[in-house]
N, C-alpha and C. Protein backbone atom coordinates (compact mmCIF):
# COMPACT_ATOMS: atom_id res chain seq x y z
N MET A 1 55.57 90.55 169.04
CA MET A 1 56.36 89.91 167.85
C MET A 1 57.77 90.66 168.38
N ALA A 2 58.87 89.81 167.94
CA ALA A 2 59.96 90.03 168.14
C ALA A 2 60.80 90.92 167.35
N SER A 3 61.32 91.75 168.34
CA SER A 3 62.57 93.17 167.71
C SER A 3 63.48 92.42 166.56
N ARG A 4 64.26 93.00 165.64
CA ARG A 4 65.01 92.84 164.98
C ARG A 4 66.20 93.07 165.91
N PRO A 5 67.31 92.23 165.91
CA PRO A 5 68.41 92.01 166.47
C PRO A 5 69.45 93.17 165.85
N ASN A 6 70.13 93.82 166.91
CA ASN A 6 70.63 94.75 166.73
C ASN A 6 72.27 94.71 165.68
N ARG A 7 72.70 95.54 164.97
CA ARG A 7 73.75 95.20 164.18
C ARG A 7 75.17 94.86 164.93
N LYS A 8 75.72 94.13 164.26
CA LYS A 8 76.96 93.70 165.38
C LYS A 8 77.62 94.58 165.18
N ARG A 9 78.35 94.90 166.70
CA ARG A 9 79.30 96.15 167.25
C ARG A 9 80.50 95.39 166.50
N LYS A 10 81.42 96.22 165.89
CA LYS A 10 83.03 96.09 165.98
C LYS A 10 83.45 95.99 167.35
N ARG A 11 84.53 94.80 167.06
CA ARG A 11 85.45 94.47 168.10
C ARG A 11 86.18 95.94 168.42
N PRO A 12 86.26 96.26 169.67
CA PRO A 12 87.20 96.95 169.95
C PRO A 12 88.99 96.48 169.89
N LEU A 13 89.60 97.01 169.45
CA LEU A 13 90.64 97.17 169.12
C LEU A 13 91.78 96.81 170.92
N ALA A 14 92.59 95.97 170.52
CA ALA A 14 93.06 95.44 171.66
C ALA A 14 94.43 97.13 171.98
N GLU A 15 94.40 97.07 173.26
CA GLU A 15 95.70 97.82 173.37
C GLU A 15 96.56 98.45 172.96
N GLY A 16 97.00 99.55 172.78
CA GLY A 16 98.63 99.63 171.73
C GLY A 16 98.25 99.74 170.42
N VAL A 17 96.93 99.11 169.86
CA VAL A 17 96.73 99.09 168.36
C VAL A 17 96.20 99.96 167.86
N VAL A 18 96.42 100.82 166.56
CA VAL A 18 95.82 101.79 165.53
C VAL A 18 94.83 101.39 164.89
N ARG A 19 94.09 101.52 164.45
CA ARG A 19 93.33 101.46 163.23
C ARG A 19 94.01 101.84 162.07
N PRO A 20 94.08 101.14 160.85
CA PRO A 20 94.45 101.91 159.90
C PRO A 20 93.59 102.25 158.87
N PRO A 21 94.17 103.73 158.61
CA PRO A 21 92.71 104.74 158.07
C PRO A 21 92.44 104.20 156.86
N LYS A 22 91.54 104.44 156.49
CA LYS A 22 90.63 104.09 155.20
C LYS A 22 91.14 104.76 154.28
N ARG A 23 91.01 103.99 152.66
CA ARG A 23 91.75 104.23 151.66
C ARG A 23 90.56 105.42 151.10
N PRO A 24 91.10 106.79 150.70
CA PRO A 24 90.23 107.20 150.01
C PRO A 24 89.81 106.15 148.34
N ARG A 25 88.17 107.06 148.36
CA ARG A 25 87.63 106.59 147.11
C ARG A 25 88.62 107.38 145.99
N ARG A 26 88.31 106.81 145.02
CA ARG A 26 88.83 107.69 143.81
C ARG A 26 87.23 107.67 142.95
N PRO A 27 87.46 108.94 142.60
CA PRO A 27 86.28 109.88 141.80
C PRO A 27 85.70 108.99 140.61
N GLY A 28 85.13 108.84 140.44
CA GLY A 28 84.67 108.05 138.84
C GLY A 28 84.82 108.78 137.80
N LYS A 29 85.12 108.21 136.57
CA LYS A 29 84.95 108.78 135.47
C LYS A 29 83.90 109.32 134.71
N GLY A 30 82.75 108.15 135.11
CA GLY A 30 81.42 108.09 135.03
C GLY A 30 81.60 107.53 133.46
N TRP A 31 80.30 107.86 132.78
CA TRP A 31 79.87 106.65 131.58
C TRP A 31 80.52 107.51 130.64
N GLU A 32 81.11 106.88 129.78
CA GLU A 32 81.65 107.68 128.38
C GLU A 32 81.32 106.96 127.01
N PRO A 33 80.45 107.53 126.16
CA PRO A 33 80.54 106.34 125.17
C PRO A 33 81.62 105.86 124.60
N ALA A 34 81.62 104.75 123.73
CA ALA A 34 82.56 103.94 123.07
C ALA A 34 83.16 105.40 121.51
N PRO A 35 84.35 105.20 121.37
CA PRO A 35 84.43 105.92 120.30
C PRO A 35 83.67 105.75 118.91
N ARG A 36 83.30 104.44 118.63
CA ARG A 36 82.74 103.63 117.61
C ARG A 36 81.22 104.78 117.76
N THR A 37 80.56 104.76 118.96
CA THR A 37 79.35 105.23 119.17
C THR A 37 79.62 106.87 118.57
N VAL A 38 80.08 107.69 119.39
CA VAL A 38 81.14 108.57 119.41
C VAL A 38 81.23 109.21 117.25
N LEU A 39 81.69 108.37 116.86
CA LEU A 39 82.03 108.62 115.34
C LEU A 39 80.26 108.56 114.90
N ARG A 40 79.73 107.53 115.38
CA ARG A 40 78.47 107.14 114.27
C ARG A 40 77.22 108.21 114.59
N THR A 41 77.29 108.63 116.17
CA THR A 41 76.13 109.76 116.76
C THR A 41 76.93 110.99 115.59
N ALA A 42 77.71 111.48 115.78
CA ALA A 42 78.30 112.75 114.92
C ALA A 42 77.91 112.62 113.66
N LEU A 43 78.33 111.62 112.87
CA LEU A 43 77.69 111.40 111.41
C LEU A 43 76.02 111.31 111.48
N ALA A 44 75.73 110.85 112.02
CA ALA A 44 74.55 111.12 112.18
C ALA A 44 73.55 112.34 112.22
N THR A 45 73.96 112.89 113.41
CA THR A 45 73.49 114.44 113.26
C THR A 45 73.62 115.41 112.72
N ALA A 46 75.46 115.74 111.75
CA ALA A 46 75.90 116.42 111.39
C ALA A 46 75.11 116.26 110.15
N LEU A 47 74.78 115.19 109.35
CA LEU A 47 74.26 114.79 108.37
C LEU A 47 72.76 115.09 108.04
N GLY A 48 71.84 114.48 109.14
CA GLY A 48 71.19 114.33 109.07
C GLY A 48 69.97 115.31 109.47
N ALA A 49 70.44 115.67 110.66
CA ALA A 49 70.19 116.92 111.30
C ALA A 49 69.17 117.99 110.64
N PRO A 50 70.40 118.50 109.42
CA PRO A 50 69.74 119.75 108.73
C PRO A 50 68.90 119.39 107.43
N VAL A 51 69.63 118.22 106.99
CA VAL A 51 68.66 118.07 105.86
C VAL A 51 67.11 117.66 106.45
N LEU A 52 66.77 116.85 107.28
CA LEU A 52 65.40 116.82 108.29
C LEU A 52 64.72 118.48 108.56
N ILE A 53 65.64 119.39 109.42
CA ILE A 53 65.12 120.25 109.89
C ILE A 53 64.73 121.18 108.39
N VAL A 54 65.65 121.27 107.36
CA VAL A 54 65.12 122.35 106.23
C VAL A 54 64.09 121.77 105.56
N GLY A 55 64.20 120.44 105.44
CA GLY A 55 63.34 119.78 104.17
C GLY A 55 61.64 119.99 104.70
N LEU A 56 61.88 119.83 106.32
CA LEU A 56 60.62 119.58 107.14
C LEU A 56 59.88 121.23 106.92
N MET A 57 61.00 122.12 107.20
CA MET A 57 60.21 123.63 107.08
C MET A 57 60.45 124.24 105.77
N ALA A 58 60.65 123.42 104.80
CA ALA A 58 60.32 123.70 103.26
C ALA A 58 59.13 123.16 102.94
N ILE A 59 58.81 121.91 103.36
CA ILE A 59 57.12 121.74 103.03
C ILE A 59 56.38 122.67 104.04
N GLY A 60 56.80 123.29 104.81
CA GLY A 60 56.05 124.08 105.87
C GLY A 60 55.80 125.24 105.18
N THR A 61 56.52 125.55 103.82
CA THR A 61 55.59 126.98 103.02
C THR A 61 54.31 126.83 102.84
N ASN A 62 53.92 125.89 102.57
CA ASN A 62 52.25 125.95 102.79
C ASN A 62 51.48 125.72 103.60
N PRO A 63 51.20 126.87 104.00
CA PRO A 63 50.53 126.43 105.43
C PRO A 63 49.71 126.04 105.96
N ASP A 64 48.96 125.00 104.73
CA ASP A 64 48.29 123.76 105.46
C ASP A 64 49.25 122.99 106.54
N TYR A 65 50.67 122.61 106.06
CA TYR A 65 51.15 121.49 106.49
C TYR A 65 52.06 122.39 107.41
N LEU A 66 52.07 123.62 107.78
CA LEU A 66 53.23 123.88 108.31
C LEU A 66 53.43 123.83 110.25
N PRO A 67 51.91 123.60 110.83
CA PRO A 67 52.03 123.17 112.31
C PRO A 67 52.38 121.98 112.75
N ILE A 68 52.43 120.86 111.34
CA ILE A 68 52.78 119.44 112.20
C ILE A 68 54.50 119.39 111.38
N CYS A 69 55.06 120.37 110.58
CA CYS A 69 56.22 120.11 110.00
C CYS A 69 57.06 121.07 110.96
N ALA A 70 56.58 121.97 111.51
CA ALA A 70 57.17 123.04 112.37
C ALA A 70 57.37 122.14 113.46
N ILE A 71 56.42 121.60 114.24
CA ILE A 71 56.54 120.59 115.46
C ILE A 71 57.55 119.41 115.49
N THR A 72 57.46 118.74 114.42
CA THR A 72 58.44 117.64 114.05
C THR A 72 59.67 118.72 113.55
N ALA A 73 60.00 119.19 113.26
CA ALA A 73 61.41 119.75 113.04
C ALA A 73 61.45 120.39 114.27
N VAL A 74 60.93 121.00 115.45
CA VAL A 74 61.37 121.01 116.85
C VAL A 74 62.13 119.75 117.55
N LEU A 75 61.25 119.06 117.53
CA LEU A 75 61.92 117.24 118.17
C LEU A 75 62.97 117.25 117.34
N VAL A 76 63.27 116.99 116.10
CA VAL A 76 64.42 116.85 115.58
C VAL A 76 65.46 117.55 116.04
N LEU A 77 65.24 119.10 116.21
CA LEU A 77 66.36 119.94 116.68
C LEU A 77 66.54 119.32 118.29
N MET A 78 65.23 119.29 118.82
CA MET A 78 66.09 118.66 120.54
C MET A 78 66.69 117.79 120.10
N SER A 79 66.25 116.68 119.64
CA SER A 79 67.29 115.25 119.58
C SER A 79 68.03 115.04 119.05
N SER A 80 68.80 116.04 118.18
CA SER A 80 70.15 116.48 117.88
C SER A 80 71.25 117.25 118.63
N LEU A 81 70.25 117.90 119.63
CA LEU A 81 70.96 118.84 120.49
C LEU A 81 71.34 117.86 121.20
N VAL A 82 70.32 116.79 122.18
CA VAL A 82 71.18 115.40 122.93
C VAL A 82 72.19 114.61 122.20
N ALA A 83 72.00 114.83 121.23
CA ALA A 83 72.77 113.72 120.43
C ALA A 83 74.40 114.38 120.41
N THR A 84 74.62 115.78 120.18
CA THR A 84 75.10 116.85 120.35
C THR A 84 76.17 116.52 121.91
N MET A 85 75.38 116.45 122.81
CA MET A 85 75.89 116.61 124.25
C MET A 85 76.47 115.35 124.48
N LEU A 86 75.92 114.05 123.78
CA LEU A 86 76.56 112.94 123.43
C LEU A 86 77.76 112.55 123.13
N VAL A 87 78.10 113.14 121.86
CA VAL A 87 79.26 113.27 121.23
C VAL A 87 80.18 114.61 122.09
N ARG A 88 79.90 115.49 122.66
CA ARG A 88 80.85 116.61 123.57
C ARG A 88 80.06 117.11 124.63
N ALA A 89 80.33 116.48 125.75
CA ALA A 89 79.21 116.66 127.07
C ALA A 89 80.33 118.21 127.38
N LYS A 90 81.37 118.18 127.03
CA LYS A 90 81.74 119.39 128.11
C LYS A 90 82.17 120.79 126.95
N GLY A 91 82.71 121.87 127.39
CA GLY A 91 83.09 122.86 126.39
C GLY A 91 81.68 123.74 125.93
N TRP A 92 81.61 124.36 124.93
CA TRP A 92 80.63 125.19 124.53
C TRP A 92 79.93 124.99 123.70
N VAL A 93 79.83 123.76 123.17
CA VAL A 93 79.77 123.62 121.57
C VAL A 93 77.90 123.75 121.16
N LEU A 94 77.29 123.49 122.61
CA LEU A 94 76.00 123.54 122.70
C LEU A 94 75.09 124.75 122.53
N TRP A 95 75.87 125.51 122.91
CA TRP A 95 75.08 127.15 122.44
C TRP A 95 75.27 127.31 121.15
N PRO A 96 76.49 127.64 120.56
CA PRO A 96 76.16 127.24 119.01
C PRO A 96 75.48 126.46 118.27
N ALA A 97 75.55 125.20 118.71
CA ALA A 97 74.01 124.47 118.12
C ALA A 97 72.81 124.64 118.57
N VAL A 98 72.45 125.14 119.36
CA VAL A 98 70.90 125.60 119.62
C VAL A 98 70.91 127.08 118.44
N ALA A 99 72.26 128.05 118.64
CA ALA A 99 71.41 129.64 118.11
C ALA A 99 71.88 128.61 116.47
N LEU A 100 72.33 127.92 116.04
CA LEU A 100 72.30 127.70 114.52
C LEU A 100 71.08 126.85 113.79
N GLY A 101 70.46 126.11 114.91
CA GLY A 101 69.42 124.84 114.88
C GLY A 101 67.62 125.74 114.89
N VAL A 102 68.22 127.21 115.64
CA VAL A 102 67.09 128.11 115.93
C VAL A 102 66.51 128.57 114.46
N LEU A 103 68.06 129.24 113.93
CA LEU A 103 67.94 129.90 112.81
C LEU A 103 67.52 128.74 111.59
N MET A 104 67.85 127.49 111.78
CA MET A 104 67.17 126.62 110.55
C MET A 104 66.40 126.46 110.68
N LEU A 105 65.66 126.61 111.56
CA LEU A 105 64.11 126.65 111.59
C LEU A 105 63.40 127.72 111.39
N ALA A 106 63.66 128.99 111.47
CA ALA A 106 63.27 130.00 111.15
C ALA A 106 63.87 130.85 109.34
N LEU A 107 64.50 130.43 108.93
CA LEU A 107 64.80 131.06 107.54
C LEU A 107 64.40 130.20 106.01
N PRO A 108 64.37 128.92 106.94
CA PRO A 108 63.85 128.06 105.29
C PRO A 108 62.43 128.55 104.67
N THR A 109 61.67 128.87 105.75
CA THR A 109 60.13 129.01 104.87
C THR A 109 59.82 130.39 104.79
N THR A 110 60.26 131.30 105.57
CA THR A 110 60.21 132.77 104.58
C THR A 110 60.76 132.63 103.49
N ALA A 111 62.05 132.17 103.49
CA ALA A 111 62.72 132.90 102.31
C ALA A 111 62.54 131.85 100.87
N LEU A 112 61.71 130.57 101.53
CA LEU A 112 61.69 129.97 100.11
C LEU A 112 59.77 130.57 99.80
N ARG A 113 59.02 131.00 100.74
CA ARG A 113 57.66 131.40 100.05
C ARG A 113 58.03 132.81 99.39
N ALA A 114 59.30 133.85 99.60
CA ALA A 114 59.35 134.69 98.87
C ALA A 114 60.30 134.25 97.81
N GLN A 115 60.65 133.38 97.43
CA GLN A 115 61.37 132.72 96.07
C GLN A 115 60.30 132.54 95.40
N LEU A 116 59.09 131.85 95.89
CA LEU A 116 58.72 131.07 94.94
C LEU A 116 57.46 132.63 94.55
N ILE A 117 57.21 133.21 95.21
CA ILE A 117 56.00 134.40 95.17
C ILE A 117 57.35 135.62 94.18
N GLU A 118 58.32 135.56 94.04
CA GLU A 118 59.42 136.25 93.60
C GLU A 118 58.84 135.80 91.90
N HIS A 119 59.25 134.58 91.78
CA HIS A 119 59.32 134.01 90.30
C HIS A 119 58.41 133.59 89.66
N ARG A 120 57.19 133.17 90.56
CA ARG A 120 55.63 133.18 89.61
C ARG A 120 54.60 133.49 90.15
N GLY A 121 54.94 134.38 91.19
CA GLY A 121 53.75 135.33 91.74
C GLY A 121 53.46 136.08 90.19
N GLU A 122 51.87 136.22 90.57
CA GLU A 122 50.78 137.04 89.14
C GLU A 122 50.04 137.93 89.92
N ARG A 123 50.31 139.38 89.60
CA ARG A 123 49.23 140.36 90.22
C ARG A 123 47.92 139.70 90.46
N THR A 124 46.80 139.34 91.04
CA THR A 124 45.53 139.12 91.00
C THR A 124 45.00 140.30 91.93
N ALA A 125 43.47 140.57 91.43
CA ALA A 125 42.72 141.50 91.63
C ALA A 125 42.15 140.71 92.66
N VAL A 126 41.89 141.33 93.94
CA VAL A 126 40.70 140.53 94.86
C VAL A 126 40.54 141.55 95.54
N VAL A 127 38.98 141.60 96.62
CA VAL A 127 38.16 142.18 97.17
C VAL A 127 37.92 141.45 98.79
N VAL A 128 38.31 142.46 100.09
CA VAL A 128 38.60 142.38 101.19
C VAL A 128 37.35 141.86 101.83
N THR A 129 37.42 140.49 102.32
CA THR A 129 35.88 140.36 102.70
C THR A 129 35.81 140.43 104.36
N ALA A 130 36.99 140.71 105.08
CA ALA A 130 37.22 140.80 106.24
C ALA A 130 38.28 141.42 106.89
N ALA A 131 38.25 142.22 108.00
CA ALA A 131 39.54 142.72 108.63
C ALA A 131 39.76 142.08 110.43
N HIS A 132 40.83 141.50 110.24
CA HIS A 132 40.99 141.48 112.05
C HIS A 132 42.05 142.16 112.80
N ARG A 133 42.26 142.70 113.67
CA ARG A 133 43.09 142.95 114.30
C ARG A 133 43.77 142.72 115.15
N GLU A 134 45.30 142.58 115.25
CA GLU A 134 46.06 142.07 116.28
C GLU A 134 46.81 142.71 116.79
N THR A 135 47.04 142.58 118.32
CA THR A 135 47.58 143.82 118.74
C THR A 135 49.02 142.60 119.64
N ASP A 136 49.91 142.97 119.64
CA ASP A 136 51.14 142.21 119.91
C ASP A 136 51.38 142.64 121.63
N ARG A 137 51.98 142.02 121.93
CA ARG A 137 52.89 142.72 124.05
C ARG A 137 52.61 143.62 124.16
N SER A 138 53.65 144.00 122.94
CA SER A 138 54.22 145.73 123.04
C SER A 138 53.24 146.52 122.83
N GLY A 139 52.05 146.41 122.07
CA GLY A 139 50.90 147.24 121.76
C GLY A 139 50.76 147.58 120.88
N ARG A 140 51.49 147.35 119.60
CA ARG A 140 51.54 147.13 118.11
C ARG A 140 50.54 146.93 117.44
N VAL A 141 49.70 147.59 116.61
CA VAL A 141 48.01 146.78 116.09
C VAL A 141 48.57 146.52 114.63
N SER A 142 48.25 145.20 114.07
CA SER A 142 48.56 144.70 112.73
C SER A 142 47.09 144.54 112.12
N TRP A 143 46.79 144.75 110.99
CA TRP A 143 45.73 143.89 110.33
C TRP A 143 46.30 142.65 109.79
N SER A 144 45.06 141.96 109.36
CA SER A 144 45.30 140.67 108.28
C SER A 144 43.64 140.38 107.72
N CYS A 145 43.70 140.54 106.50
CA CYS A 145 42.32 140.51 106.02
C CYS A 145 42.02 139.33 105.21
N ASP A 146 41.19 138.44 105.30
CA ASP A 146 40.59 138.05 104.31
C ASP A 146 39.78 138.10 103.02
N ILE A 147 40.02 137.41 101.83
CA ILE A 147 40.19 137.94 100.49
C ILE A 147 39.57 137.04 99.43
N ARG A 148 38.58 136.95 98.43
CA ARG A 148 38.25 136.60 97.23
C ARG A 148 38.68 137.19 96.21
N ARG A 149 38.94 136.21 95.23
CA ARG A 149 39.50 136.66 94.04
C ARG A 149 37.99 137.42 93.11
N GLU A 150 38.35 138.71 92.32
CA GLU A 150 37.71 139.51 92.35
C GLU A 150 36.52 138.68 90.93
N ASP A 151 37.33 137.62 90.31
CA ASP A 151 36.62 136.77 89.56
C ASP A 151 36.01 135.74 89.80
N GLY A 152 35.83 135.59 90.81
CA GLY A 152 35.35 134.29 91.51
C GLY A 152 35.66 133.21 91.74
N LEU A 153 37.32 133.29 91.14
CA LEU A 153 37.69 131.72 90.95
C LEU A 153 38.32 131.42 92.15
N PRO A 154 38.47 129.93 92.67
CA PRO A 154 39.01 129.79 94.19
C PRO A 154 40.51 130.39 94.54
N LEU A 155 40.84 131.21 95.37
CA LEU A 155 41.95 131.23 95.85
C LEU A 155 42.51 130.68 96.97
N PRO A 156 43.42 129.63 97.26
CA PRO A 156 43.92 129.26 98.24
C PRO A 156 44.59 130.13 99.12
N HIS A 157 44.43 129.31 100.48
CA HIS A 157 45.20 130.51 101.79
C HIS A 157 45.28 131.92 101.81
N ALA A 158 43.29 132.15 101.17
CA ALA A 158 42.76 133.25 101.15
C ALA A 158 43.27 134.59 102.22
N SER A 159 44.11 135.00 102.23
CA SER A 159 44.33 136.07 103.62
C SER A 159 45.22 136.77 103.09
N PHE A 160 45.91 137.69 103.66
CA PHE A 160 47.04 138.30 103.19
C PHE A 160 47.50 139.67 104.54
N SER A 161 48.45 140.42 104.64
CA SER A 161 48.91 141.78 105.61
C SER A 161 49.24 142.96 104.53
N GLY A 162 49.23 144.32 104.54
CA GLY A 162 49.86 144.52 104.17
C GLY A 162 48.94 146.16 103.69
N GLY A 163 49.44 146.67 102.24
CA GLY A 163 48.86 148.19 101.75
C GLY A 163 47.35 147.30 101.67
N GLY A 164 46.54 148.18 101.82
CA GLY A 164 45.08 147.65 101.17
C GLY A 164 44.29 146.55 102.38
N CYS A 165 45.35 146.56 103.52
CA CYS A 165 44.95 145.90 104.56
C CYS A 165 44.83 146.78 106.12
N SER A 166 44.31 147.89 106.43
CA SER A 166 44.56 148.54 107.32
C SER A 166 43.71 148.88 108.57
N SER A 167 42.16 148.34 108.53
CA SER A 167 41.34 148.65 109.42
C SER A 167 39.78 148.75 108.24
N GLN A 168 38.87 148.20 109.85
CA GLN A 168 37.67 148.00 109.08
C GLN A 168 37.12 148.06 107.82
N ARG A 169 37.90 149.40 107.82
CA ARG A 169 36.90 150.21 106.09
C ARG A 169 37.58 149.70 104.94
N SER A 170 38.63 148.61 105.42
CA SER A 170 39.54 147.97 104.11
C SER A 170 38.24 146.87 103.28
N VAL A 171 37.43 146.46 104.11
CA VAL A 171 36.05 145.76 103.55
C VAL A 171 35.03 145.95 102.99
N GLY A 172 35.50 145.11 101.41
CA GLY A 172 34.83 145.60 100.62
C GLY A 172 35.38 146.34 99.28
N GLN A 173 36.48 146.98 99.80
CA GLN A 173 37.75 147.70 98.88
C GLN A 173 38.17 146.50 97.74
N ARG A 174 38.72 146.79 96.66
CA ARG A 174 39.63 146.28 96.04
C ARG A 174 40.84 146.45 96.02
N THR A 175 41.56 145.35 95.79
CA THR A 175 43.14 145.65 95.84
C THR A 175 43.78 144.45 95.10
N GLU A 176 45.31 144.66 95.06
CA GLU A 176 45.84 143.30 94.55
C GLU A 176 47.00 142.97 95.14
N VAL A 177 47.11 141.68 95.08
CA VAL A 177 48.36 140.87 95.92
C VAL A 177 48.64 140.36 94.79
N LEU A 178 49.96 139.95 95.27
CA LEU A 178 50.92 138.59 94.79
C LEU A 178 50.47 137.34 95.21
N ALA A 179 49.64 136.44 93.79
CA ALA A 179 49.27 134.97 94.08
C ALA A 179 50.03 133.98 93.49
N ASP A 180 50.36 133.14 94.19
CA ASP A 180 50.90 131.87 93.07
C ASP A 180 49.86 131.38 92.78
N PRO A 181 49.95 130.77 91.55
CA PRO A 181 49.20 130.32 90.56
C PRO A 181 49.00 128.99 91.24
N ALA A 182 50.18 128.26 91.57
CA ALA A 182 49.62 126.90 92.21
C ALA A 182 49.00 126.69 93.47
N GLY A 183 49.02 128.09 94.07
CA GLY A 183 48.35 128.05 95.35
C GLY A 183 49.20 127.31 96.56
N TRP A 184 50.33 127.08 96.46
CA TRP A 184 51.46 126.53 97.32
C TRP A 184 51.45 127.09 98.58
N VAL A 185 51.53 128.61 97.80
CA VAL A 185 52.09 129.52 99.76
C VAL A 185 51.09 130.86 99.53
N PRO A 186 51.15 131.29 100.23
CA PRO A 186 50.00 132.50 100.29
C PRO A 186 50.26 133.54 99.91
N PRO A 187 49.24 134.74 99.15
CA PRO A 187 49.11 135.46 98.66
C PRO A 187 50.29 136.98 99.84
N VAL A 188 50.76 137.85 98.62
CA VAL A 188 51.23 138.68 99.78
C VAL A 188 51.11 140.00 98.74
N ASP A 189 51.20 141.15 99.52
CA ASP A 189 51.16 142.38 99.25
C ASP A 189 52.23 142.74 98.17
N THR A 190 51.42 143.08 97.28
CA THR A 190 52.57 143.80 96.25
C THR A 190 53.78 144.58 96.02
N ALA A 191 53.95 145.11 97.37
CA ALA A 191 54.77 146.10 97.81
C ALA A 191 55.39 145.36 98.73
N ALA A 192 55.56 144.18 98.77
CA ALA A 192 56.37 143.69 99.91
C ALA A 192 57.85 143.18 99.07
N ASP A 193 58.64 143.29 100.04
CA ASP A 193 59.97 143.07 99.58
C ASP A 193 60.47 141.64 99.40
N THR A 194 60.25 140.86 98.61
CA THR A 194 60.37 139.70 97.89
C THR A 194 61.64 138.90 97.80
N SER A 195 62.33 140.70 97.30
CA SER A 195 63.71 140.15 96.92
C SER A 195 64.89 139.82 97.90
N PHE A 196 64.67 140.73 99.53
CA PHE A 196 65.70 140.50 99.91
C PHE A 196 65.10 139.25 101.19
N ASN A 197 64.24 138.99 101.57
CA ASN A 197 64.25 137.80 102.05
C ASN A 197 63.82 136.41 101.13
N GLY A 198 63.99 136.75 100.07
CA GLY A 198 64.58 135.83 99.20
C GLY A 198 65.74 135.29 98.95
N ALA A 199 66.55 136.23 99.28
CA ALA A 199 68.16 136.11 98.96
C ALA A 199 68.51 135.62 100.38
N MET A 200 67.92 135.39 101.63
CA MET A 200 67.83 134.71 102.47
C MET A 200 68.26 132.73 102.71
N ILE A 201 67.54 132.31 100.94
CA ILE A 201 67.93 131.32 101.25
C ILE A 201 69.32 130.47 100.95
N TRP A 202 69.93 131.70 100.70
CA TRP A 202 71.46 131.10 100.32
C TRP A 202 72.51 130.73 101.59
N ALA A 203 71.68 131.65 102.66
CA ALA A 203 72.38 131.41 104.09
C ALA A 203 72.22 130.09 104.47
N VAL A 204 70.68 129.22 103.81
CA VAL A 204 70.34 127.60 104.39
C VAL A 204 71.75 127.28 104.33
N PRO A 205 72.08 126.91 102.87
CA PRO A 205 73.68 125.81 102.68
C PRO A 205 74.26 126.02 103.70
N GLY A 206 74.78 127.49 104.47
CA GLY A 206 75.72 127.83 105.06
C GLY A 206 75.40 127.57 106.11
N LEU A 207 74.12 127.70 107.27
CA LEU A 207 74.02 127.19 108.14
C LEU A 207 74.11 125.65 108.73
N ALA A 208 73.94 124.77 107.16
CA ALA A 208 73.58 123.44 107.47
C ALA A 208 75.27 123.04 107.60
N VAL A 209 76.38 123.93 106.93
CA VAL A 209 77.64 123.47 106.62
C VAL A 209 78.39 123.81 108.07
N LEU A 210 78.08 124.93 109.03
CA LEU A 210 78.21 125.32 109.76
C LEU A 210 77.81 124.23 110.89
N TRP A 211 76.68 124.07 110.79
CA TRP A 211 76.05 122.51 111.82
C TRP A 211 77.23 121.38 111.98
N ALA A 212 77.44 120.71 110.36
CA ALA A 212 78.35 119.74 110.09
C ALA A 212 79.22 120.06 110.87
N ALA A 213 79.73 121.17 110.61
CA ALA A 213 81.58 121.64 111.18
C ALA A 213 81.53 120.90 112.26
N LEU A 214 80.27 121.82 112.78
CA LEU A 214 80.52 122.35 114.18
C LEU A 214 80.36 120.84 115.19
N VAL A 215 79.15 120.09 114.76
CA VAL A 215 79.43 118.62 115.36
C VAL A 215 80.40 117.98 115.09
N LEU A 216 81.27 117.50 114.20
CA LEU A 216 82.22 116.96 113.75
C LEU A 216 83.36 117.32 114.19
N GLY A 217 83.72 118.50 114.57
CA GLY A 217 84.79 119.12 114.99
C GLY A 217 84.48 119.04 116.62
N ALA A 218 83.20 119.07 116.91
CA ALA A 218 83.25 118.58 118.72
C ALA A 218 83.56 116.84 119.18
N ALA A 219 83.03 116.35 117.74
CA ALA A 219 83.87 114.55 118.21
C ALA A 219 84.87 114.52 117.92
N ARG A 220 85.93 115.22 116.54
CA ARG A 220 87.06 114.86 116.95
C ARG A 220 87.87 114.97 118.06
N ARG A 221 87.64 116.37 118.62
CA ARG A 221 88.20 116.85 120.00
C ARG A 221 87.78 115.74 121.25
N THR A 222 86.43 115.38 121.13
CA THR A 222 86.38 113.90 122.30
C THR A 222 87.30 112.95 122.05
N LEU A 223 87.64 112.71 120.89
CA LEU A 223 87.93 111.18 120.18
C LEU A 223 89.45 111.63 120.80
N ARG A 224 90.05 112.42 120.54
CA ARG A 224 91.42 113.10 120.69
C ARG A 224 91.83 113.48 122.18
N GLY A 225 90.70 113.63 123.27
CA GLY A 225 91.15 113.71 124.19
C GLY A 225 90.99 112.08 125.22
N ARG A 226 90.64 110.92 124.52
CA ARG A 226 90.77 110.05 125.38
C ARG A 226 92.35 109.97 124.97
């Protein structure tokens, strides 16, 4: 089998001739999105992301829909963070966006549940049918209890934690919970501070406005820097 021929060698320069120095390569600026792309991406991310995330987590106040809504909202947040990096690849804009996104994921569900229970929750007599012990990483023990209405009527999301649910001895005992007549949100302990959690609902629009201002401000700085 014939061997491959060697590459051609450069001819030596004549005596007294100096090879000219190579020109240094200019560092590439890299790919930059067009101004129209930056503007459209910023508008879609600033306005669309808060509406989708908050809307999904609001639907997640019903435990039946919470898993799928939470997963979808996380995917929306991740896509929005990628879009934010497209709008402004430099600077510190990403970390405030992450913080605001996490808060938009966490607050709406808790705040809306508290608001619904506070405005239409009814004291309902229930009987504890089972108690479940849970231990977190720090060793702290908490209890959750399965319940049924004392009058035998159906009770959606029939579980709660708090007063009246403290150990296996709670099984069979009668207690009261605040239950949503429509069955959308789960019951809570009658001693739960729903007013404090419900007040957090007013922070959600503020988070959305801050997110929009952050993304649009980042786009403005990107377009000015060109």
